[in-house]
């Protein structure tokens, strides 16, 4: 079909500006971004199941002059629902290791078992072929505790009940993010920061943990 300007003299036809190479590339990038935006964040904003599984290693230390240090390793799973600009999850976490604390340095926590509520960016973190997922939460733990004896061995102590806020950043690449998928899968690296502000049982100094992780994300 010929346009309405076909019968006009060439000098009277409207001139369409010719895009430069930079303008054409910018227009193409904008079109691609719009396609992914509609794919990841549809206008009807459905709530979708979302899971993040992390294998992580943590290094802990105390604030100030308190004597607390240790290392733990284990797994964390976030199970929840994501929307276009927010999401929520229940976090379950289990780690084993040794965390030394106390005036004499002989008290030890040998693990952290627990979890808590988590808020996320939802699908806002999807960025074409990758994603940047920031999460914050608050954890409550059960921590088996023992005391190392001078003559050797260890005596069991009442378990600690530490708690505190958590922030984590997950960066990764999506696996085959095409338009036919309803769920997206990705793998990547994670960095986290956990603070234990105290314990509901026992005398535990405020402490901090730096976390390094490998993770899987699906949702």
N, C-alpha and C. Protein backbone atom coordinates (compact mmCIF):
# COMPACT_ATOMS: atom_id res chain seq x y z
N UNK A 1 0.86 -1.19 0.00
CA UNK A 1 0.00 0.00 0.00
C UNK A 1 0.88 1.23 0.00
N UNK A 2 0.56 2.18 -0.91
CA UNK A 2 1.35 3.40 -0.99
C UNK A 2 0.79 4.43 -0.04
N UNK A 3 1.69 5.22 0.52
CA UNK A 3 1.27 6.24 1.47
C UNK A 3 0.61 7.41 0.77
N UNK A 4 0.00 8.33 1.55
CA UNK A 4 -0.72 9.48 0.97
C UNK A 4 0.20 10.46 0.28
N UNK A 5 1.50 10.39 0.56
CA UNK A 5 2.41 11.37 -0.05
C UNK A 5 2.94 10.92 -1.40
N UNK A 6 2.49 9.72 -1.91
CA UNK A 6 3.06 9.21 -3.16
C UNK A 6 2.72 10.09 -4.35
N UNK A 7 1.55 10.77 -4.33
CA UNK A 7 1.13 11.62 -5.44
C UNK A 7 1.65 13.04 -5.33
N UNK A 8 2.43 13.31 -4.29
CA UNK A 8 2.98 14.65 -4.12
C UNK A 8 4.32 14.76 -4.82
N UNK A 9 4.64 15.97 -5.20
CA UNK A 9 5.96 16.22 -5.77
C UNK A 9 7.03 15.97 -4.71
N UNK A 10 8.15 15.38 -5.09
CA UNK A 10 9.20 15.07 -4.10
C UNK A 10 9.57 16.25 -3.22
N UNK A 11 9.53 17.48 -3.78
CA UNK A 11 9.91 18.64 -2.98
C UNK A 11 8.87 18.98 -1.92
N UNK A 12 7.61 18.45 -2.09
CA UNK A 12 6.55 18.76 -1.15
C UNK A 12 6.28 17.64 -0.15
N UNK A 13 6.93 16.47 -0.36
CA UNK A 13 6.73 15.37 0.56
C UNK A 13 7.42 15.67 1.90
N UNK A 14 6.80 15.21 3.04
CA UNK A 14 7.44 15.45 4.34
C UNK A 14 8.76 14.68 4.44
N UNK A 15 9.73 15.36 4.92
CA UNK A 15 11.06 14.76 5.07
C UNK A 15 11.18 14.08 6.42
N UNK A 16 11.56 12.81 6.42
CA UNK A 16 11.79 12.07 7.66
C UNK A 16 13.27 12.14 7.97
N UNK A 17 13.63 12.67 9.13
CA UNK A 17 15.05 12.81 9.44
C UNK A 17 15.74 11.45 9.50
N UNK A 18 16.92 11.41 8.98
CA UNK A 18 17.72 10.18 8.99
C UNK A 18 18.45 10.09 10.32
N UNK A 19 18.27 8.97 11.02
CA UNK A 19 18.91 8.80 12.32
C UNK A 19 20.40 8.55 12.16
N UNK A 20 21.14 9.10 13.10
CA UNK A 20 22.56 8.79 13.16
C UNK A 20 22.74 7.39 13.72
N UNK A 21 23.94 6.89 13.62
CA UNK A 21 24.21 5.55 14.15
C UNK A 21 23.96 5.48 15.65
N UNK A 22 24.33 6.52 16.38
CA UNK A 22 24.12 6.56 17.83
C UNK A 22 22.63 6.62 18.16
N UNK A 23 21.86 7.42 17.41
CA UNK A 23 20.42 7.51 17.65
C UNK A 23 19.73 6.20 17.34
N UNK A 24 20.14 5.52 16.28
CA UNK A 24 19.55 4.23 15.93
C UNK A 24 19.83 3.19 17.02
N UNK A 25 21.06 3.19 17.54
CA UNK A 25 21.42 2.25 18.60
C UNK A 25 20.63 2.54 19.87
N UNK A 26 20.45 3.83 20.18
CA UNK A 26 19.69 4.21 21.36
C UNK A 26 18.22 3.80 21.23
N UNK A 27 17.65 3.98 20.05
CA UNK A 27 16.26 3.59 19.81
C UNK A 27 16.09 2.08 19.92
N UNK A 28 17.08 1.34 19.40
CA UNK A 28 17.02 -0.12 19.50
C UNK A 28 17.10 -0.58 20.95
N UNK A 29 17.98 0.04 21.73
CA UNK A 29 18.11 -0.31 23.15
C UNK A 29 16.81 -0.02 23.90
N UNK A 30 16.18 1.13 23.57
CA UNK A 30 14.92 1.48 24.23
C UNK A 30 13.82 0.48 23.88
N UNK A 31 13.79 0.02 22.63
CA UNK A 31 12.78 -0.96 22.22
C UNK A 31 13.00 -2.29 22.92
N UNK A 32 14.25 -2.72 23.04
CA UNK A 32 14.55 -3.97 23.74
C UNK A 32 14.18 -3.87 25.21
N UNK A 33 14.52 -2.72 25.83
CA UNK A 33 14.17 -2.52 27.25
C UNK A 33 12.67 -2.56 27.46
N UNK A 34 11.89 -2.00 26.53
CA UNK A 34 10.43 -2.02 26.66
C UNK A 34 9.88 -3.44 26.56
N UNK A 35 10.48 -4.25 25.67
CA UNK A 35 10.03 -5.64 25.54
C UNK A 35 10.26 -6.40 26.84
N UNK A 36 11.46 -6.27 27.42
CA UNK A 36 11.76 -6.96 28.67
C UNK A 36 10.93 -6.42 29.83
N UNK A 37 10.67 -5.11 29.84
CA UNK A 37 9.85 -4.52 30.90
C UNK A 37 8.45 -5.11 30.91
N UNK A 38 7.86 -5.23 29.74
CA UNK A 38 6.52 -5.82 29.65
C UNK A 38 6.55 -7.31 29.98
N UNK A 39 7.67 -7.97 29.69
CA UNK A 39 7.79 -9.40 29.96
C UNK A 39 7.95 -9.66 31.46
N UNK A 40 8.81 -8.90 32.12
CA UNK A 40 9.10 -9.13 33.53
C UNK A 40 8.05 -8.51 34.45
N UNK A 41 7.52 -7.36 34.08
CA UNK A 41 6.59 -6.63 34.94
C UNK A 41 5.30 -6.31 34.17
N UNK A 42 4.47 -7.33 33.93
CA UNK A 42 3.22 -7.10 33.19
C UNK A 42 2.29 -6.15 33.94
N UNK A 43 1.44 -5.46 33.18
CA UNK A 43 0.60 -4.42 33.76
C UNK A 43 -0.40 -4.95 34.77
N UNK A 44 -0.83 -6.21 34.61
CA UNK A 44 -1.80 -6.74 35.58
C UNK A 44 -1.14 -7.20 36.86
N UNK A 45 0.20 -7.14 36.95
CA UNK A 45 0.96 -7.32 38.19
C UNK A 45 0.58 -8.60 38.95
N UNK A 46 0.75 -9.77 38.34
CA UNK A 46 0.39 -11.00 39.04
C UNK A 46 1.39 -11.32 40.15
N UNK A 47 0.89 -11.93 41.22
CA UNK A 47 1.78 -12.42 42.26
C UNK A 47 2.30 -13.79 41.86
N UNK A 48 3.61 -13.95 41.83
CA UNK A 48 4.20 -15.20 41.37
C UNK A 48 5.09 -15.82 42.45
N UNK A 49 5.06 -17.13 42.50
CA UNK A 49 5.92 -17.87 43.42
C UNK A 49 7.38 -17.56 43.13
N UNK A 50 8.18 -17.41 44.20
CA UNK A 50 9.60 -17.11 44.02
C UNK A 50 10.41 -17.80 45.10
N UNK A 51 11.56 -18.36 44.70
CA UNK A 51 12.44 -19.05 45.63
C UNK A 51 13.88 -18.66 45.36
N UNK A 52 14.65 -18.47 46.41
CA UNK A 52 16.08 -18.25 46.31
C UNK A 52 16.77 -19.21 47.27
N UNK A 53 17.70 -20.01 46.75
CA UNK A 53 18.46 -20.95 47.57
C UNK A 53 19.93 -20.54 47.54
N UNK A 54 20.51 -20.36 48.73
CA UNK A 54 21.90 -19.89 48.83
C UNK A 54 22.75 -20.89 49.62
N UNK A 55 23.92 -21.21 49.09
CA UNK A 55 24.95 -21.90 49.85
C UNK A 55 25.96 -20.83 50.26
N UNK A 56 26.16 -20.63 51.55
CA UNK A 56 26.93 -19.46 51.97
C UNK A 56 27.93 -19.78 53.08
N UNK A 57 28.90 -18.88 53.18
CA UNK A 57 29.97 -18.95 54.17
C UNK A 57 30.00 -17.61 54.88
N UNK A 58 30.05 -17.63 56.22
CA UNK A 58 29.96 -16.40 57.01
C UNK A 58 31.18 -16.26 57.92
N UNK A 59 31.64 -15.03 58.06
CA UNK A 59 32.73 -14.68 58.97
C UNK A 59 32.18 -13.69 59.98
N UNK A 60 32.29 -14.01 61.29
CA UNK A 60 31.69 -13.18 62.33
C UNK A 60 32.71 -12.53 63.25
N UNK A 61 32.34 -11.37 63.76
CA UNK A 61 33.16 -10.67 64.74
C UNK A 61 32.26 -9.79 65.58
N UNK A 62 32.75 -9.34 66.71
CA UNK A 62 31.96 -8.50 67.61
C UNK A 62 32.25 -7.03 67.36
N UNK A 63 31.40 -6.17 67.90
CA UNK A 63 31.64 -4.74 67.87
C UNK A 63 32.46 -4.34 69.10
N UNK A 64 33.28 -3.32 68.94
CA UNK A 64 34.01 -2.80 70.10
C UNK A 64 35.02 -3.79 70.64
N UNK A 65 35.12 -3.82 71.98
CA UNK A 65 36.12 -4.64 72.65
C UNK A 65 35.61 -6.02 73.06
N UNK A 66 34.37 -6.34 72.73
CA UNK A 66 33.82 -7.64 73.09
C UNK A 66 34.54 -8.74 72.32
N UNK A 67 34.66 -9.88 72.96
CA UNK A 67 35.39 -11.00 72.35
C UNK A 67 34.40 -11.98 71.73
N UNK A 68 34.18 -11.87 70.44
CA UNK A 68 33.38 -12.81 69.69
C UNK A 68 33.97 -12.93 68.30
N UNK A 69 34.19 -14.14 67.85
CA UNK A 69 34.69 -14.37 66.50
C UNK A 69 34.34 -15.79 66.09
N UNK A 70 34.23 -16.02 64.81
CA UNK A 70 33.94 -17.37 64.35
C UNK A 70 33.57 -17.41 62.89
N UNK A 71 33.38 -18.63 62.42
CA UNK A 71 33.01 -18.88 61.02
C UNK A 71 31.93 -19.94 60.98
N UNK A 72 31.01 -19.77 60.06
CA UNK A 72 29.96 -20.76 59.86
C UNK A 72 29.74 -20.97 58.36
N UNK A 73 29.14 -22.09 58.02
CA UNK A 73 28.80 -22.38 56.64
C UNK A 73 27.51 -23.18 56.58
N UNK A 74 26.73 -22.98 55.55
CA UNK A 74 25.48 -23.71 55.46
C UNK A 74 24.63 -23.24 54.31
N UNK A 75 23.31 -23.32 54.49
CA UNK A 75 22.38 -23.02 53.42
C UNK A 75 21.25 -22.13 53.92
N UNK A 76 20.68 -21.37 52.98
CA UNK A 76 19.53 -20.51 53.26
C UNK A 76 18.54 -20.63 52.11
N UNK A 77 17.27 -20.68 52.43
CA UNK A 77 16.22 -20.75 51.41
C UNK A 77 15.17 -19.68 51.71
N UNK A 78 14.85 -18.87 50.71
CA UNK A 78 13.76 -17.90 50.79
C UNK A 78 12.60 -18.40 49.93
N UNK A 79 11.44 -18.56 50.53
CA UNK A 79 10.26 -19.01 49.80
C UNK A 79 9.18 -17.95 49.95
N UNK A 80 8.70 -17.41 48.83
CA UNK A 80 7.71 -16.34 48.93
C UNK A 80 7.03 -16.03 47.62
N UNK A 81 6.60 -14.78 47.49
CA UNK A 81 5.84 -14.33 46.33
C UNK A 81 6.39 -12.98 45.89
N UNK A 82 6.47 -12.79 44.57
CA UNK A 82 6.99 -11.54 44.03
C UNK A 82 5.93 -10.83 43.20
N UNK A 83 5.93 -9.50 43.30
CA UNK A 83 5.09 -8.64 42.48
C UNK A 83 6.01 -7.72 41.67
N UNK A 84 5.45 -6.79 40.91
CA UNK A 84 6.27 -5.96 40.04
C UNK A 84 7.31 -5.15 40.79
N UNK A 85 6.94 -4.59 41.95
CA UNK A 85 7.85 -3.68 42.63
C UNK A 85 8.10 -4.04 44.09
N UNK A 86 7.63 -5.19 44.54
CA UNK A 86 7.88 -5.61 45.91
C UNK A 86 7.64 -7.12 46.00
N UNK A 87 8.21 -7.73 46.99
CA UNK A 87 7.99 -9.14 47.23
C UNK A 87 8.20 -9.45 48.70
N UNK A 88 7.78 -10.63 49.10
CA UNK A 88 7.97 -11.04 50.49
C UNK A 88 8.34 -12.52 50.49
N UNK A 89 8.97 -12.96 51.58
CA UNK A 89 9.39 -14.35 51.67
C UNK A 89 9.56 -14.74 53.13
N UNK A 90 9.53 -16.04 53.36
CA UNK A 90 9.92 -16.62 54.64
C UNK A 90 11.29 -17.23 54.45
N UNK A 91 12.24 -16.82 55.26
CA UNK A 91 13.61 -17.28 55.16
C UNK A 91 13.88 -18.39 56.17
N UNK A 92 14.44 -19.49 55.70
CA UNK A 92 14.86 -20.61 56.54
C UNK A 92 16.37 -20.77 56.38
N UNK A 93 17.06 -20.89 57.49
CA UNK A 93 18.53 -20.90 57.42
C UNK A 93 19.11 -21.89 58.41
N UNK A 94 20.12 -22.63 57.97
CA UNK A 94 20.83 -23.54 58.85
C UNK A 94 22.31 -23.50 58.56
N UNK A 95 23.12 -23.20 59.58
CA UNK A 95 24.57 -23.12 59.42
C UNK A 95 25.26 -23.81 60.59
N UNK A 96 26.40 -24.42 60.33
CA UNK A 96 27.21 -25.02 61.36
C UNK A 96 28.60 -24.42 61.38
N UNK A 97 29.25 -24.49 62.52
CA UNK A 97 30.59 -23.94 62.66
C UNK A 97 30.91 -23.70 64.12
N UNK A 98 31.82 -22.79 64.38
CA UNK A 98 32.17 -22.42 65.76
C UNK A 98 32.23 -20.90 65.88
N UNK A 99 31.51 -20.38 66.86
CA UNK A 99 31.53 -18.95 67.16
C UNK A 99 31.92 -18.82 68.63
N UNK A 100 33.15 -18.36 68.89
CA UNK A 100 33.67 -18.23 70.24
C UNK A 100 33.24 -16.89 70.84
N UNK A 101 32.85 -16.90 72.10
CA UNK A 101 32.46 -15.67 72.77
C UNK A 101 32.63 -15.86 74.27
N UNK A 102 32.37 -14.80 75.03
CA UNK A 102 32.48 -14.86 76.49
C UNK A 102 33.77 -14.27 76.98
N UNK A 103 33.78 -13.95 78.29
CA UNK A 103 34.94 -13.29 78.90
C UNK A 103 36.20 -14.15 78.79
N UNK A 104 36.08 -15.46 78.96
CA UNK A 104 37.24 -16.33 78.89
C UNK A 104 37.46 -16.92 77.51
N UNK A 105 36.59 -16.65 76.57
CA UNK A 105 36.73 -17.14 75.20
C UNK A 105 36.51 -18.62 75.03
N UNK A 106 35.97 -19.28 76.06
CA UNK A 106 35.78 -20.73 75.97
C UNK A 106 34.33 -21.12 75.63
N UNK A 107 33.42 -20.17 75.64
CA UNK A 107 32.04 -20.46 75.24
C UNK A 107 31.94 -20.47 73.72
N UNK A 108 31.17 -21.41 73.19
CA UNK A 108 31.05 -21.56 71.74
C UNK A 108 29.61 -21.82 71.33
N UNK A 109 29.18 -21.13 70.28
CA UNK A 109 27.97 -21.53 69.57
C UNK A 109 28.41 -22.40 68.40
N UNK A 110 27.77 -23.53 68.22
CA UNK A 110 28.18 -24.47 67.18
C UNK A 110 27.27 -24.46 65.96
N UNK A 111 26.32 -23.58 65.92
CA UNK A 111 25.44 -23.49 64.76
C UNK A 111 24.39 -22.42 64.94
N UNK A 112 23.74 -22.09 63.83
CA UNK A 112 22.63 -21.14 63.81
C UNK A 112 21.49 -21.77 63.01
N UNK A 113 20.37 -22.00 63.66
CA UNK A 113 19.21 -22.60 63.02
C UNK A 113 18.00 -21.69 63.21
N UNK A 114 17.36 -21.31 62.13
CA UNK A 114 16.20 -20.43 62.27
C UNK A 114 15.87 -19.72 60.99
N UNK A 115 15.49 -18.44 61.11
CA UNK A 115 15.09 -17.65 59.96
C UNK A 115 14.13 -16.56 60.38
N UNK A 116 13.42 -16.00 59.40
CA UNK A 116 12.50 -14.92 59.70
C UNK A 116 11.89 -14.32 58.45
N UNK A 117 11.14 -13.22 58.58
CA UNK A 117 10.50 -12.58 57.43
C UNK A 117 11.50 -11.81 56.58
N UNK A 118 11.18 -11.70 55.29
CA UNK A 118 12.06 -11.02 54.33
C UNK A 118 11.23 -10.18 53.37
N UNK A 119 11.73 -8.98 53.05
CA UNK A 119 11.16 -8.13 52.01
C UNK A 119 12.14 -8.03 50.85
N UNK A 120 11.63 -8.00 49.61
CA UNK A 120 12.48 -7.98 48.43
C UNK A 120 12.02 -6.90 47.45
N UNK A 121 12.80 -6.73 46.39
CA UNK A 121 12.45 -5.80 45.32
C UNK A 121 11.43 -6.39 44.35
N UNK A 122 11.03 -7.64 44.58
CA UNK A 122 10.13 -8.28 43.64
C UNK A 122 10.78 -8.43 42.28
N UNK A 123 10.01 -8.18 41.21
CA UNK A 123 10.54 -8.32 39.85
C UNK A 123 11.20 -7.04 39.35
N UNK A 124 11.30 -6.04 40.21
CA UNK A 124 11.97 -4.80 39.81
C UNK A 124 13.44 -5.04 39.50
N UNK A 125 14.03 -6.06 40.13
CA UNK A 125 15.45 -6.32 39.93
C UNK A 125 15.80 -7.01 38.64
N UNK A 126 14.81 -7.47 37.85
CA UNK A 126 15.11 -8.12 36.57
C UNK A 126 15.61 -7.08 35.57
N UNK A 127 16.79 -7.33 34.99
CA UNK A 127 17.42 -6.39 34.07
C UNK A 127 17.81 -7.13 32.80
N UNK A 128 16.88 -7.30 31.89
CA UNK A 128 17.09 -7.99 30.63
C UNK A 128 17.66 -9.38 30.87
N UNK A 129 18.93 -9.63 30.62
CA UNK A 129 19.50 -10.98 30.74
C UNK A 129 20.00 -11.29 32.15
N UNK A 130 19.89 -10.36 33.06
CA UNK A 130 20.37 -10.58 34.42
C UNK A 130 19.43 -9.98 35.45
N UNK A 131 19.88 -9.98 36.70
CA UNK A 131 19.06 -9.42 37.77
C UNK A 131 19.95 -8.97 38.91
N UNK A 132 19.42 -8.03 39.68
CA UNK A 132 20.06 -7.50 40.88
C UNK A 132 18.98 -7.49 41.96
N UNK A 133 19.11 -8.41 42.91
CA UNK A 133 18.05 -8.67 43.88
C UNK A 133 18.53 -8.27 45.28
N UNK A 134 17.93 -7.23 45.85
CA UNK A 134 18.28 -6.76 47.19
C UNK A 134 17.20 -7.18 48.17
N UNK A 135 17.61 -7.76 49.31
CA UNK A 135 16.66 -8.29 50.29
C UNK A 135 17.04 -7.85 51.69
N UNK A 136 16.02 -7.56 52.50
CA UNK A 136 16.25 -7.25 53.91
C UNK A 136 15.30 -8.11 54.74
N UNK A 137 15.73 -8.45 55.95
CA UNK A 137 14.90 -9.27 56.80
C UNK A 137 15.36 -9.23 58.25
N UNK A 138 14.69 -9.99 59.08
CA UNK A 138 15.04 -10.08 60.49
C UNK A 138 14.97 -11.55 60.89
N UNK A 139 16.05 -12.05 61.50
CA UNK A 139 16.17 -13.47 61.79
C UNK A 139 16.14 -13.75 63.29
N UNK A 140 15.59 -14.91 63.61
CA UNK A 140 15.56 -15.43 64.97
C UNK A 140 16.18 -16.83 64.94
N UNK A 141 17.16 -17.08 65.81
CA UNK A 141 17.92 -18.32 65.74
C UNK A 141 17.87 -19.11 67.04
N UNK A 142 18.04 -20.41 66.86
CA UNK A 142 18.36 -21.33 67.96
C UNK A 142 19.82 -21.73 67.76
N UNK A 143 20.66 -21.50 68.76
CA UNK A 143 22.10 -21.72 68.63
C UNK A 143 22.59 -22.67 69.72
N UNK A 144 22.85 -23.97 69.40
CA UNK A 144 23.45 -24.87 70.38
C UNK A 144 24.76 -24.30 70.92
N UNK A 145 24.96 -24.40 72.23
CA UNK A 145 26.11 -23.75 72.87
C UNK A 145 26.82 -24.72 73.79
N UNK A 146 28.14 -24.60 73.88
CA UNK A 146 28.94 -25.44 74.77
C UNK A 146 30.08 -24.61 75.35
N UNK A 147 30.73 -25.16 76.36
CA UNK A 147 31.89 -24.52 76.98
C UNK A 147 33.07 -25.50 76.94
N UNK A 148 34.17 -25.04 76.41
CA UNK A 148 35.37 -25.87 76.38
C UNK A 148 36.00 -25.92 77.77
N UNK A 149 36.29 -27.11 78.24
CA UNK A 149 36.85 -27.29 79.59
C UNK A 149 38.37 -27.25 79.55
N UNK A 150 38.97 -26.74 80.65
CA UNK A 150 40.42 -26.64 80.71
C UNK A 150 41.08 -28.02 80.65
N UNK A 151 40.43 -29.01 81.24
CA UNK A 151 41.00 -30.37 81.26
C UNK A 151 40.72 -31.13 79.98
N UNK A 152 40.08 -30.47 79.02
CA UNK A 152 39.75 -31.11 77.76
C UNK A 152 38.28 -31.44 77.65
N UNK A 153 37.81 -31.59 76.46
CA UNK A 153 36.40 -31.88 76.25
C UNK A 153 35.55 -30.62 76.32
N UNK A 154 34.25 -30.81 76.37
CA UNK A 154 33.32 -29.68 76.40
C UNK A 154 32.08 -30.06 77.18
N UNK A 155 31.47 -29.07 77.81
CA UNK A 155 30.23 -29.26 78.56
C UNK A 155 29.12 -28.48 77.87
N UNK A 156 27.96 -29.10 77.73
CA UNK A 156 26.84 -28.45 77.06
C UNK A 156 26.26 -27.33 77.93
N UNK A 157 25.94 -26.21 77.31
CA UNK A 157 25.32 -25.08 77.97
C UNK A 157 23.93 -24.86 77.39
N UNK A 158 23.06 -24.12 78.11
CA UNK A 158 21.75 -23.79 77.53
C UNK A 158 21.92 -23.07 76.20
N UNK A 159 21.11 -23.41 75.23
CA UNK A 159 21.22 -22.83 73.89
C UNK A 159 20.95 -21.33 73.93
N UNK A 160 21.68 -20.61 73.08
CA UNK A 160 21.44 -19.18 72.89
C UNK A 160 20.26 -18.99 71.93
N UNK A 161 19.63 -17.84 72.02
CA UNK A 161 18.53 -17.48 71.12
C UNK A 161 18.82 -16.12 70.50
N UNK A 162 19.84 -16.03 69.64
CA UNK A 162 20.21 -14.73 69.05
C UNK A 162 19.21 -14.28 68.00
N UNK A 163 19.24 -12.98 67.72
CA UNK A 163 18.35 -12.40 66.72
C UNK A 163 18.95 -11.12 66.19
N UNK A 164 18.53 -10.72 64.98
CA UNK A 164 19.03 -9.48 64.42
C UNK A 164 18.69 -9.30 62.96
N UNK A 165 18.91 -8.10 62.41
CA UNK A 165 18.56 -7.79 61.01
C UNK A 165 19.58 -8.36 60.03
N UNK A 166 19.13 -8.45 58.79
CA UNK A 166 19.94 -9.01 57.72
C UNK A 166 19.70 -8.24 56.43
N UNK A 167 20.75 -8.02 55.64
CA UNK A 167 20.65 -7.43 54.31
C UNK A 167 21.49 -8.26 53.35
N UNK A 168 20.93 -8.56 52.18
CA UNK A 168 21.64 -9.41 51.22
C UNK A 168 21.43 -8.89 49.80
N UNK A 169 22.48 -9.04 49.00
CA UNK A 169 22.44 -8.63 47.60
C UNK A 169 22.79 -9.83 46.74
N UNK A 170 21.90 -10.19 45.82
CA UNK A 170 22.13 -11.31 44.91
C UNK A 170 22.24 -10.77 43.49
N UNK A 171 23.32 -11.11 42.79
CA UNK A 171 23.52 -10.72 41.41
C UNK A 171 23.68 -11.98 40.58
N UNK A 172 23.01 -12.03 39.41
CA UNK A 172 23.11 -13.24 38.62
C UNK A 172 22.66 -13.04 37.19
N UNK A 173 22.74 -14.12 36.44
CA UNK A 173 22.33 -14.16 35.04
C UNK A 173 21.11 -15.07 34.91
N UNK A 174 20.16 -14.64 34.09
CA UNK A 174 18.97 -15.45 33.82
C UNK A 174 19.31 -16.52 32.79
N UNK A 175 18.68 -17.69 32.94
CA UNK A 175 18.87 -18.79 32.01
C UNK A 175 17.71 -18.81 31.03
N UNK A 176 17.99 -18.52 29.76
CA UNK A 176 16.99 -18.54 28.68
C UNK A 176 15.75 -17.72 29.02
N UNK A 177 15.88 -16.39 29.17
CA UNK A 177 14.69 -15.56 29.48
C UNK A 177 13.87 -15.24 28.24
N UNK A 178 13.14 -16.20 27.68
CA UNK A 178 12.35 -15.92 26.48
C UNK A 178 10.89 -15.65 26.84
N UNK A 179 10.11 -15.23 25.86
CA UNK A 179 8.75 -14.77 26.11
C UNK A 179 7.79 -15.91 26.45
N UNK A 180 8.18 -17.16 26.18
CA UNK A 180 7.28 -18.27 26.45
C UNK A 180 7.30 -18.71 27.90
N UNK A 181 8.25 -18.24 28.69
CA UNK A 181 8.39 -18.69 30.07
C UNK A 181 7.49 -17.89 31.01
N UNK A 182 6.89 -18.59 31.96
CA UNK A 182 6.14 -17.93 33.02
C UNK A 182 7.01 -17.78 34.27
N UNK A 183 7.97 -18.67 34.42
CA UNK A 183 8.92 -18.59 35.53
C UNK A 183 10.33 -18.44 34.96
N UNK A 184 11.16 -17.68 35.64
CA UNK A 184 12.51 -17.43 35.19
C UNK A 184 13.49 -18.02 36.20
N UNK A 185 14.59 -18.54 35.69
CA UNK A 185 15.59 -19.19 36.52
C UNK A 185 16.93 -18.50 36.32
N UNK A 186 17.69 -18.37 37.40
CA UNK A 186 18.98 -17.72 37.31
C UNK A 186 19.95 -18.26 38.35
N UNK A 187 21.22 -18.02 38.11
CA UNK A 187 22.27 -18.41 39.05
C UNK A 187 23.23 -17.23 39.18
N UNK A 188 23.89 -17.14 40.35
CA UNK A 188 24.80 -16.03 40.53
C UNK A 188 25.50 -16.06 41.88
N UNK A 189 26.03 -14.90 42.24
CA UNK A 189 26.78 -14.73 43.48
C UNK A 189 26.01 -13.82 44.43
N UNK A 190 26.28 -13.98 45.71
CA UNK A 190 25.59 -13.17 46.71
C UNK A 190 26.54 -12.64 47.76
N UNK A 191 26.18 -11.50 48.31
CA UNK A 191 26.91 -10.87 49.40
C UNK A 191 25.90 -10.45 50.45
N UNK A 192 26.20 -10.68 51.73
CA UNK A 192 25.25 -10.36 52.78
C UNK A 192 25.92 -9.81 54.03
N UNK A 193 25.09 -9.19 54.86
CA UNK A 193 25.56 -8.63 56.12
C UNK A 193 24.50 -8.89 57.17
N UNK A 194 24.88 -9.60 58.22
CA UNK A 194 23.97 -9.96 59.31
C UNK A 194 24.47 -9.36 60.61
N UNK A 195 23.57 -8.79 61.38
CA UNK A 195 23.89 -8.27 62.71
C UNK A 195 23.07 -9.05 63.73
N UNK A 196 23.72 -9.54 64.76
CA UNK A 196 23.02 -10.12 65.90
C UNK A 196 23.07 -9.10 67.03
N UNK A 197 21.93 -8.53 67.35
CA UNK A 197 21.89 -7.45 68.33
C UNK A 197 21.91 -7.97 69.76
N UNK A 198 21.69 -9.26 69.94
CA UNK A 198 21.67 -9.84 71.28
C UNK A 198 21.02 -11.20 71.26
N UNK A 199 20.67 -11.70 72.44
CA UNK A 199 20.06 -13.01 72.56
C UNK A 199 18.95 -12.95 73.61
N UNK A 200 17.84 -13.66 73.33
CA UNK A 200 16.75 -13.73 74.29
C UNK A 200 17.15 -14.56 75.52
N UNK A 201 18.18 -15.36 75.38
CA UNK A 201 18.67 -16.17 76.50
C UNK A 201 20.19 -16.08 76.53
N UNK A 202 20.75 -15.82 77.70
CA UNK A 202 22.19 -15.74 77.84
C UNK A 202 22.74 -14.37 77.51
N UNK A 203 24.04 -14.21 77.73
CA UNK A 203 24.72 -12.93 77.53
C UNK A 203 25.57 -13.02 76.27
N UNK A 204 25.03 -12.54 75.16
CA UNK A 204 25.74 -12.57 73.88
C UNK A 204 26.01 -11.14 73.43
N UNK A 205 27.28 -10.79 73.19
CA UNK A 205 27.58 -9.41 72.76
C UNK A 205 27.08 -9.15 71.35
N UNK A 206 26.72 -7.92 71.01
CA UNK A 206 26.34 -7.59 69.64
C UNK A 206 27.46 -7.98 68.67
N UNK A 207 27.09 -8.55 67.54
CA UNK A 207 28.08 -9.07 66.61
C UNK A 207 27.62 -8.85 65.18
N UNK A 208 28.54 -9.05 64.24
CA UNK A 208 28.27 -8.85 62.83
C UNK A 208 28.87 -10.00 62.02
N UNK A 209 28.21 -10.34 60.90
CA UNK A 209 28.66 -11.44 60.06
C UNK A 209 28.63 -10.99 58.60
N UNK A 210 29.74 -11.23 57.91
CA UNK A 210 29.83 -10.96 56.47
C UNK A 210 29.64 -12.29 55.75
N UNK A 211 28.72 -12.31 54.77
CA UNK A 211 28.33 -13.55 54.10
C UNK A 211 28.73 -13.53 52.63
N UNK A 212 29.22 -14.67 52.16
CA UNK A 212 29.55 -14.87 50.74
C UNK A 212 28.77 -16.09 50.28
N UNK A 213 28.14 -16.00 49.09
CA UNK A 213 27.22 -17.07 48.71
C UNK A 213 27.22 -17.34 47.21
N UNK A 214 26.85 -18.58 46.88
CA UNK A 214 26.42 -18.97 45.54
C UNK A 214 24.92 -19.23 45.63
N UNK A 215 24.16 -18.81 44.64
CA UNK A 215 22.71 -18.95 44.79
C UNK A 215 22.02 -19.33 43.49
N UNK A 216 20.83 -19.89 43.65
CA UNK A 216 19.90 -20.15 42.57
C UNK A 216 18.64 -19.33 42.84
N UNK A 217 18.09 -18.72 41.79
CA UNK A 217 16.87 -17.94 41.92
C UNK A 217 15.86 -18.42 40.89
N UNK A 218 14.63 -18.65 41.34
CA UNK A 218 13.57 -19.05 40.43
C UNK A 218 12.26 -18.37 40.77
N UNK A 219 11.59 -17.83 39.77
CA UNK A 219 10.32 -17.17 40.02
C UNK A 219 9.89 -16.28 38.89
